[in-house]
Structure formats: structure tokens, C-alpha cells
């Protein structure tokens, strides 16, 4: 008989220190809940961008998302300088709709990510990391396609990529706090009042 325990019997033995994940409520959020968290996080991103990030960087929040998306709908995907492109009808509506649709899709993506390779609950560390990871979209796709260069550095203004990073951190925090609140006892009590 060996002095060391057999590893297969240890792995099969239930832990006495903690309950199984499904008993503690530590499970991945539904895709719908994560998508809703994405919409709430997008709102938080907008508020943080206008009230915290832009003033801290002494800059106006960048615009022209609606113009860029509007031109994409017409078949033009890249520009020398989006500010010099022809205006598109309903730019503000297009921008707002696209911005929140992207937030919802990225929120649902976060919900899916929490299921790979196994289901796990959102964390206040993982969600901002996801928000930071989403910064690759404006840095390496949107800014270059709008003629602003990689990371928005065509003009050498470091505030452009810093603004994107700051607002995407706020987006990640928004997802984390939204999903944390959705699993709270207060949220459960609110749901029981409605039901």
C-alpha cells in the first residue's frame, strides 16, 4: 500500500469545504441577461465618457459613428478622413442605434465567453478585463477605417486611444456590476414583487 493517496479517488471525492457550483448559485448568466447587462454597460460607458473620461483628458468625446455606419450601409467602408466625408441623413439616430446594438452583442458575447470551457459566474475582475479586450475593435478596426490611423494615432494625440480605453473599462465595469446586481438578493426580491 502506497503512502500517497490515489489521485483518481481524490478527484472523485466531493469537497467538504465548498458546495458544488450549482448549489451556491455560481453559474454563468443567461445570454439574455448578459445582453441586457451590455445595454446597461453601454449607458454607463456613455455617462463615464462624458462626465469622467473626456473631462479628465480635456477633450470632447469623439463623434461621427453614425456617419461611418451610414456610409457602410451605402457600401463605403473606409475613409481618408471621416470628418470630411459627406454627412448622412439621421447620423445621430444611426450612431445611437449602432452603439447600443454593439453593446448588446458584446454583452451577449461576454455571456457566451463565461460558458467556455465550463460555466462560471461573472466577476468584477473578469468583466473589466473583457471591457479592455473590446478596445481592440475601435483601436484596430474603427479608427483605421475612419482615417484616424491605428489606435486613432494619425495625428499623434494620445487622448484618442486613452478615451477609447477609459470608456471600455467603464463598459466592462458596467457589465460586471449589472450581472452582480442581477444575482443579488435585492434583485431576487424585486423579481418576486413583479411575479
C-alpha atoms as a PDB file:
ATOM      1  CA  UNK A   1       0.000   0.000   0.000  1.00  0.00           C
ATOM      2  CA  UNK A   2       1.326   3.376  -1.070  1.00  0.00           C
ATOM      3  CA  UNK A   3       1.707   6.210   1.333  1.00  0.00           C
ATOM      4  CA  UNK A   4       0.327   8.684  -1.230  1.00  0.00           C
ATOM      5  CA  UNK A   5      -3.408   8.750  -1.933  1.00  0.00           C
ATOM      6  CA  UNK A   6      -4.663   7.732  -5.351  1.00  0.00           C
ATOM      7  CA  UNK A   7      -5.339  10.894  -7.366  1.00  0.00           C
ATOM      8  CA  UNK A   8      -8.470   9.446  -9.032  1.00  0.00           C
ATOM      9  CA  UNK A   9     -10.149   8.863  -5.668  1.00  0.00           C
ATOM     10  CA  UNK A  10      -9.342  12.410  -4.563  1.00  0.00           C
ATOM     11  CA  UNK A  11     -10.818  13.899  -7.748  1.00  0.00           C
ATOM     12  CA  UNK A  12     -13.990  11.811  -7.434  1.00  0.00           C
ATOM     13  CA  UNK A  13     -14.486  12.673  -3.751  1.00  0.00           C
ATOM     14  CA  UNK A  14     -16.786  15.682  -3.152  1.00  0.00           C
ATOM     15  CA  UNK A  15     -15.149  18.592  -1.414  1.00  0.00           C
ATOM     16  CA  UNK A  16     -16.254  19.173   2.161  1.00  0.00           C
ATOM     17  CA  UNK A  17     -15.003  22.744   2.097  1.00  0.00           C
ATOM     18  CA  UNK A  18     -17.304  24.098  -0.553  1.00  0.00           C
ATOM     19  CA  UNK A  19     -20.613  23.285  -2.082  1.00  0.00           C
ATOM     20  CA  UNK A  20     -20.973  22.385  -5.764  1.00  0.00           C
ATOM     21  CA  UNK A  21     -21.238  25.387  -8.093  1.00  0.00           C
ATOM     22  CA  UNK A  22     -24.921  24.847  -8.826  1.00  0.00           C
ATOM     23  CA  UNK A  23     -25.779  24.885  -5.106  1.00  0.00           C
ATOM     24  CA  UNK A  24     -24.014  28.183  -4.406  1.00  0.00           C
ATOM     25  CA  UNK A  25     -25.659  29.983  -7.340  1.00  0.00           C
ATOM     26  CA  UNK A  26     -22.306  30.481  -9.053  1.00  0.00           C
ATOM     27  CA  UNK A  27     -23.374  29.961 -12.626  1.00  0.00           C
ATOM     28  CA  UNK A  28     -22.944  31.760 -15.887  1.00  0.00           C
ATOM     29  CA  UNK A  29     -25.597  34.366 -16.639  1.00  0.00           C
ATOM     30  CA  UNK A  30     -28.107  33.680 -19.381  1.00  0.00           C
ATOM     31  CA  UNK A  31     -27.261  35.166 -22.761  1.00  0.00           C
ATOM     32  CA  UNK A  32     -30.294  37.445 -22.417  1.00  0.00           C
ATOM     33  CA  UNK A  33     -29.152  38.703 -19.016  1.00  0.00           C
ATOM     34  CA  UNK A  34     -25.660  39.322 -20.387  1.00  0.00           C
ATOM     35  CA  UNK A  35     -27.124  41.171 -23.397  1.00  0.00           C
ATOM     36  CA  UNK A  36     -29.213  43.359 -21.080  1.00  0.00           C
ATOM     37  CA  UNK A  37     -26.089  43.946 -18.971  1.00  0.00           C
ATOM     38  CA  UNK A  38     -24.379  45.003 -22.217  1.00  0.00           C
ATOM     39  CA  UNK A  39     -27.070  47.633 -22.836  1.00  0.00           C
ATOM     40  CA  UNK A  40     -26.792  48.932 -19.261  1.00  0.00           C
ATOM     41  CA  UNK A  41     -22.996  48.907 -19.520  1.00  0.00           C
ATOM     42  CA  UNK A  42     -23.204  50.904 -22.760  1.00  0.00           C
ATOM     43  CA  UNK A  43     -25.240  53.543 -20.958  1.00  0.00           C
ATOM     44  CA  UNK A  44     -22.658  53.554 -18.141  1.00  0.00           C
ATOM     45  CA  UNK A  45     -19.915  53.843 -20.750  1.00  0.00           C
ATOM     46  CA  UNK A  46     -21.597  56.902 -22.239  1.00  0.00           C
ATOM     47  CA  UNK A  47     -22.077  58.563 -18.867  1.00  0.00           C
ATOM     48  CA  UNK A  48     -18.492  57.817 -17.802  1.00  0.00           C
ATOM     49  CA  UNK A  49     -17.158  59.025 -21.151  1.00  0.00           C
ATOM     50  CA  UNK A  50     -18.904  62.385 -20.903  1.00  0.00           C
ATOM     51  CA  UNK A  51     -18.550  63.043 -17.171  1.00  0.00           C
ATOM     52  CA  UNK A  52     -15.234  61.397 -16.236  1.00  0.00           C
ATOM     53  CA  UNK A  53     -13.019  60.339 -19.143  1.00  0.00           C
ATOM     54  CA  UNK A  54     -13.446  63.288 -21.534  1.00  0.00           C
ATOM     55  CA  UNK A  55     -13.041  65.957 -18.816  1.00  0.00           C
ATOM     56  CA  UNK A  56     -10.017  64.126 -17.380  1.00  0.00           C
ATOM     57  CA  UNK A  57      -8.411  64.071 -20.830  1.00  0.00           C
ATOM     58  CA  UNK A  58      -9.579  67.649 -21.601  1.00  0.00           C
ATOM     59  CA  UNK A  59     -11.237  66.611 -24.830  1.00  0.00           C
ATOM     60  CA  UNK A  60     -14.628  66.399 -26.467  1.00  0.00           C
ATOM     61  CA  UNK A  61     -15.937  62.817 -26.912  1.00  0.00           C
ATOM     62  CA  UNK A  62     -15.258  61.666 -30.464  1.00  0.00           C
ATOM     63  CA  UNK A  63     -18.200  61.533 -32.857  1.00  0.00           C
ATOM     64  CA  UNK A  64     -19.050  60.533 -36.410  1.00  0.00           C
ATOM     65  CA  UNK A  65     -20.012  56.926 -35.617  1.00  0.00           C
ATOM     66  CA  UNK A  66     -23.346  57.480 -37.381  1.00  0.00           C
ATOM     67  CA  UNK A  67     -21.645  58.936 -40.445  1.00  0.00           C
ATOM     68  CA  UNK A  68     -19.240  55.987 -40.617  1.00  0.00           C
ATOM     69  CA  UNK A  69     -22.008  53.389 -40.192  1.00  0.00           C
ATOM     70  CA  UNK A  70     -24.228  55.314 -42.650  1.00  0.00           C
ATOM     71  CA  UNK A  71     -21.509  55.181 -45.295  1.00  0.00           C
ATOM     72  CA  UNK A  72     -21.005  51.481 -44.566  1.00  0.00           C
ATOM     73  CA  UNK A  73     -24.713  50.922 -45.316  1.00  0.00           C
ATOM     74  CA  UNK A  74     -24.058  52.621 -48.677  1.00  0.00           C
ATOM     75  CA  UNK A  75     -21.104  50.328 -49.400  1.00  0.00           C
ATOM     76  CA  UNK A  76     -18.166  52.541 -48.387  1.00  0.00           C
ATOM     77  CA  UNK A  77     -16.160  51.058 -45.532  1.00  0.00           C
ATOM     78  CA  UNK A  78     -13.004  53.183 -45.316  1.00  0.00           C
ATOM     79  CA  UNK A  79     -12.296  56.904 -45.435  1.00  0.00           C
ATOM     80  CA  UNK A  80      -9.301  59.188 -45.689  1.00  0.00           C
ATOM     81  CA  UNK A  81     -10.893  61.381 -43.007  1.00  0.00           C
ATOM     82  CA  UNK A  82     -14.420  60.683 -41.737  1.00  0.00           C
ATOM     83  CA  UNK A  83     -14.881  64.320 -40.709  1.00  0.00           C
ATOM     84  CA  UNK A  84     -14.593  65.338 -44.377  1.00  0.00           C
ATOM     85  CA  UNK A  85     -16.988  62.641 -45.630  1.00  0.00           C
ATOM     86  CA  UNK A  86     -20.412  63.718 -46.798  1.00  0.00           C
ATOM     87  CA  UNK A  87     -22.989  63.856 -44.000  1.00  0.00           C
ATOM     88  CA  UNK A  88     -25.543  61.032 -43.864  1.00  0.00           C
ATOM     89  CA  UNK A  89     -29.219  61.514 -43.066  1.00  0.00           C
ATOM     90  CA  UNK A  90     -30.097  60.633 -39.450  1.00  0.00           C
ATOM     91  CA  UNK A  91     -26.469  60.287 -38.310  1.00  0.00           C
ATOM     92  CA  UNK A  92     -27.330  60.690 -34.624  1.00  0.00           C
ATOM     93  CA  UNK A  93     -30.050  58.022 -34.750  1.00  0.00           C
ATOM     94  CA  UNK A  94     -27.781  55.643 -36.648  1.00  0.00           C
ATOM     95  CA  UNK A  95     -24.972  56.248 -34.143  1.00  0.00           C
ATOM     96  CA  UNK A  96     -27.152  55.681 -31.090  1.00  0.00           C
ATOM     97  CA  UNK A  97     -28.771  52.547 -32.517  1.00  0.00           C
ATOM     98  CA  UNK A  98     -25.453  51.067 -33.651  1.00  0.00           C
ATOM     99  CA  UNK A  99     -23.679  51.941 -30.394  1.00  0.00           C
ATOM    100  CA  UNK A 100     -26.297  50.203 -28.233  1.00  0.00           C
ATOM    101  CA  UNK A 101     -26.621  47.255 -30.635  1.00  0.00           C
ATOM    102  CA  UNK A 102     -22.862  46.736 -30.409  1.00  0.00           C
ATOM    103  CA  UNK A 103     -23.090  46.955 -26.604  1.00  0.00           C
ATOM    104  CA  UNK A 104     -25.836  44.314 -26.531  1.00  0.00           C
ATOM    105  CA  UNK A 105     -23.926  41.985 -28.882  1.00  0.00           C
ATOM    106  CA  UNK A 106     -20.691  42.367 -26.885  1.00  0.00           C
ATOM    107  CA  UNK A 107     -22.654  41.758 -23.670  1.00  0.00           C
ATOM    108  CA  UNK A 108     -24.079  38.541 -25.131  1.00  0.00           C
ATOM    109  CA  UNK A 109     -20.532  37.645 -26.209  1.00  0.00           C
ATOM    110  CA  UNK A 110     -19.387  38.042 -22.617  1.00  0.00           C
ATOM    111  CA  UNK A 111     -22.202  35.733 -21.534  1.00  0.00           C
ATOM    112  CA  UNK A 112     -21.029  33.148 -24.073  1.00  0.00           C
ATOM    113  CA  UNK A 113     -17.416  33.560 -23.005  1.00  0.00           C
ATOM    114  CA  UNK A 114     -18.407  32.730 -19.428  1.00  0.00           C
ATOM    115  CA  UNK A 115     -19.615  29.330 -20.661  1.00  0.00           C
ATOM    116  CA  UNK A 116     -16.319  28.284 -22.252  1.00  0.00           C
ATOM    117  CA  UNK A 117     -14.814  25.825 -21.350  1.00  0.00           C
ATOM    118  CA  UNK A 118     -17.242  25.455 -18.428  1.00  0.00           C
ATOM    119  CA  UNK A 119     -19.948  27.676 -16.977  1.00  0.00           C
ATOM    120  CA  UNK A 120     -18.759  30.220 -14.418  1.00  0.00           C
ATOM    121  CA  UNK A 121     -20.060  33.383 -12.851  1.00  0.00           C
ATOM    122  CA  UNK A 122     -19.054  36.878 -13.902  1.00  0.00           C
ATOM    123  CA  UNK A 123     -16.528  38.614 -11.688  1.00  0.00           C
ATOM    124  CA  UNK A 124     -15.645  42.221 -11.064  1.00  0.00           C
ATOM    125  CA  UNK A 125     -12.119  41.425 -12.266  1.00  0.00           C
ATOM    126  CA  UNK A 126     -13.061  39.486 -15.382  1.00  0.00           C
ATOM    127  CA  UNK A 127     -15.657  41.932 -16.655  1.00  0.00           C
ATOM    128  CA  UNK A 128     -13.316  44.975 -16.827  1.00  0.00           C
ATOM    129  CA  UNK A 129     -10.701  42.738 -18.468  1.00  0.00           C
ATOM    130  CA  UNK A 130     -13.317  41.875 -21.090  1.00  0.00           C
ATOM    131  CA  UNK A 131     -14.049  45.603 -21.472  1.00  0.00           C
ATOM    132  CA  UNK A 132     -10.352  46.277 -22.049  1.00  0.00           C
ATOM    133  CA  UNK A 133     -10.229  43.451 -24.617  1.00  0.00           C
ATOM    134  CA  UNK A 134     -13.104  45.044 -26.546  1.00  0.00           C
ATOM    135  CA  UNK A 135     -10.926  48.122 -27.063  1.00  0.00           C
ATOM    136  CA  UNK A 136      -9.283  46.260 -29.959  1.00  0.00           C
ATOM    137  CA  UNK A 137     -12.432  46.981 -32.017  1.00  0.00           C
ATOM    138  CA  UNK A 138     -12.077  50.774 -32.135  1.00  0.00           C
ATOM    139  CA  UNK A 139      -8.271  50.735 -31.991  1.00  0.00           C
ATOM    140  CA  UNK A 140      -7.666  48.319 -34.859  1.00  0.00           C
ATOM    141  CA  UNK A 141     -10.873  48.461 -36.908  1.00  0.00           C
ATOM    142  CA  UNK A 142     -12.979  51.575 -36.386  1.00  0.00           C
ATOM    143  CA  UNK A 143     -10.226  54.216 -36.095  1.00  0.00           C
ATOM    144  CA  UNK A 144      -8.217  52.959 -39.111  1.00  0.00           C
ATOM    145  CA  UNK A 145     -11.388  52.613 -41.226  1.00  0.00           C
ATOM    146  CA  UNK A 146     -12.388  56.195 -40.377  1.00  0.00           C
ATOM    147  CA  UNK A 147      -8.979  57.510 -41.432  1.00  0.00           C
ATOM    148  CA  UNK A 148      -7.712  58.127 -37.894  1.00  0.00           C
ATOM    149  CA  UNK A 149      -4.916  55.549 -38.045  1.00  0.00           C
ATOM    150  CA  UNK A 150      -4.224  52.551 -35.844  1.00  0.00           C
ATOM    151  CA  UNK A 151      -5.399  53.288 -32.294  1.00  0.00           C
ATOM    152  CA  UNK A 152      -6.524  56.710 -33.538  1.00  0.00           C
ATOM    153  CA  UNK A 153      -2.937  57.943 -33.567  1.00  0.00           C
ATOM    154  CA  UNK A 154      -2.826  59.505 -37.058  1.00  0.00           C
ATOM    155  CA  UNK A 155      -2.461  62.962 -35.521  1.00  0.00           C
ATOM    156  CA  UNK A 156      -0.324  61.741 -32.609  1.00  0.00           C
ATOM    157  CA  UNK A 157      -2.935  62.620 -29.982  1.00  0.00           C
ATOM    158  CA  UNK A 158      -2.682  60.004 -27.232  1.00  0.00           C
ATOM    159  CA  UNK A 159      -6.006  61.148 -25.813  1.00  0.00           C
ATOM    160  CA  UNK A 160      -7.911  59.347 -28.597  1.00  0.00           C
ATOM    161  CA  UNK A 161      -6.791  55.801 -27.665  1.00  0.00           C
ATOM    162  CA  UNK A 162      -6.881  56.753 -23.975  1.00  0.00           C
ATOM    163  CA  UNK A 163     -10.527  57.823 -24.332  1.00  0.00           C
ATOM    164  CA  UNK A 164     -11.400  54.522 -26.003  1.00  0.00           C
ATOM    165  CA  UNK A 165      -9.603  52.554 -23.293  1.00  0.00           C
ATOM    166  CA  UNK A 166     -11.201  54.525 -20.454  1.00  0.00           C
ATOM    167  CA  UNK A 167     -14.713  54.140 -21.806  1.00  0.00           C
ATOM    168  CA  UNK A 168     -14.240  50.432 -22.486  1.00  0.00           C
ATOM    169  CA  UNK A 169     -13.044  49.894 -18.916  1.00  0.00           C
ATOM    170  CA  UNK A 170     -16.270  51.619 -17.838  1.00  0.00           C
ATOM    171  CA  UNK A 171     -18.188  49.263 -20.168  1.00  0.00           C
ATOM    172  CA  UNK A 172     -16.574  46.226 -18.546  1.00  0.00           C
ATOM    173  CA  UNK A 173     -17.298  47.541 -15.053  1.00  0.00           C
ATOM    174  CA  UNK A 174     -20.885  48.157 -16.149  1.00  0.00           C
ATOM    175  CA  UNK A 175     -21.275  44.545 -17.253  1.00  0.00           C
ATOM    176  CA  UNK A 176     -19.707  43.306 -14.021  1.00  0.00           C
ATOM    177  CA  UNK A 177     -21.884  45.433 -11.755  1.00  0.00           C
ATOM    178  CA  UNK A 178     -25.044  44.724 -13.780  1.00  0.00           C
ATOM    179  CA  UNK A 179     -24.547  40.974 -13.587  1.00  0.00           C
ATOM    180  CA  UNK A 180     -23.537  41.181  -9.921  1.00  0.00           C
ATOM    181  CA  UNK A 181     -26.746  43.095  -9.171  1.00  0.00           C
ATOM    182  CA  UNK A 182     -28.824  40.631 -11.247  1.00  0.00           C
ATOM    183  CA  UNK A 183     -27.669  37.816  -8.936  1.00  0.00           C
ATOM    184  CA  UNK A 184     -28.154  39.805  -5.721  1.00  0.00           C
ATOM    185  CA  UNK A 185     -30.813  39.145  -3.124  1.00  0.00           C
ATOM    186  CA  UNK A 186     -32.218  42.638  -3.764  1.00  0.00           C
ATOM    187  CA  UNK A 187     -32.783  41.750  -7.439  1.00  0.00           C
ATOM    188  CA  UNK A 188     -34.451  38.490  -6.418  1.00  0.00           C
ATOM    189  CA  UNK A 189     -36.785  40.381  -4.084  1.00  0.00           C
ATOM    190  CA  UNK A 190     -37.617  42.861  -6.860  1.00  0.00           C
ATOM    191  CA  UNK A 191     -38.379  39.967  -9.234  1.00  0.00           C
ATOM    192  CA  UNK A 192     -40.635  38.358  -6.629  1.00  0.00           C
ATOM    193  CA  UNK A 193     -42.615  41.605  -6.312  1.00  0.00           C
ATOM    194  CA  UNK A 194     -43.236  41.689 -10.035  1.00  0.00           C
ATOM    195  CA  UNK A 195     -44.134  37.999 -10.338  1.00  0.00           C
END
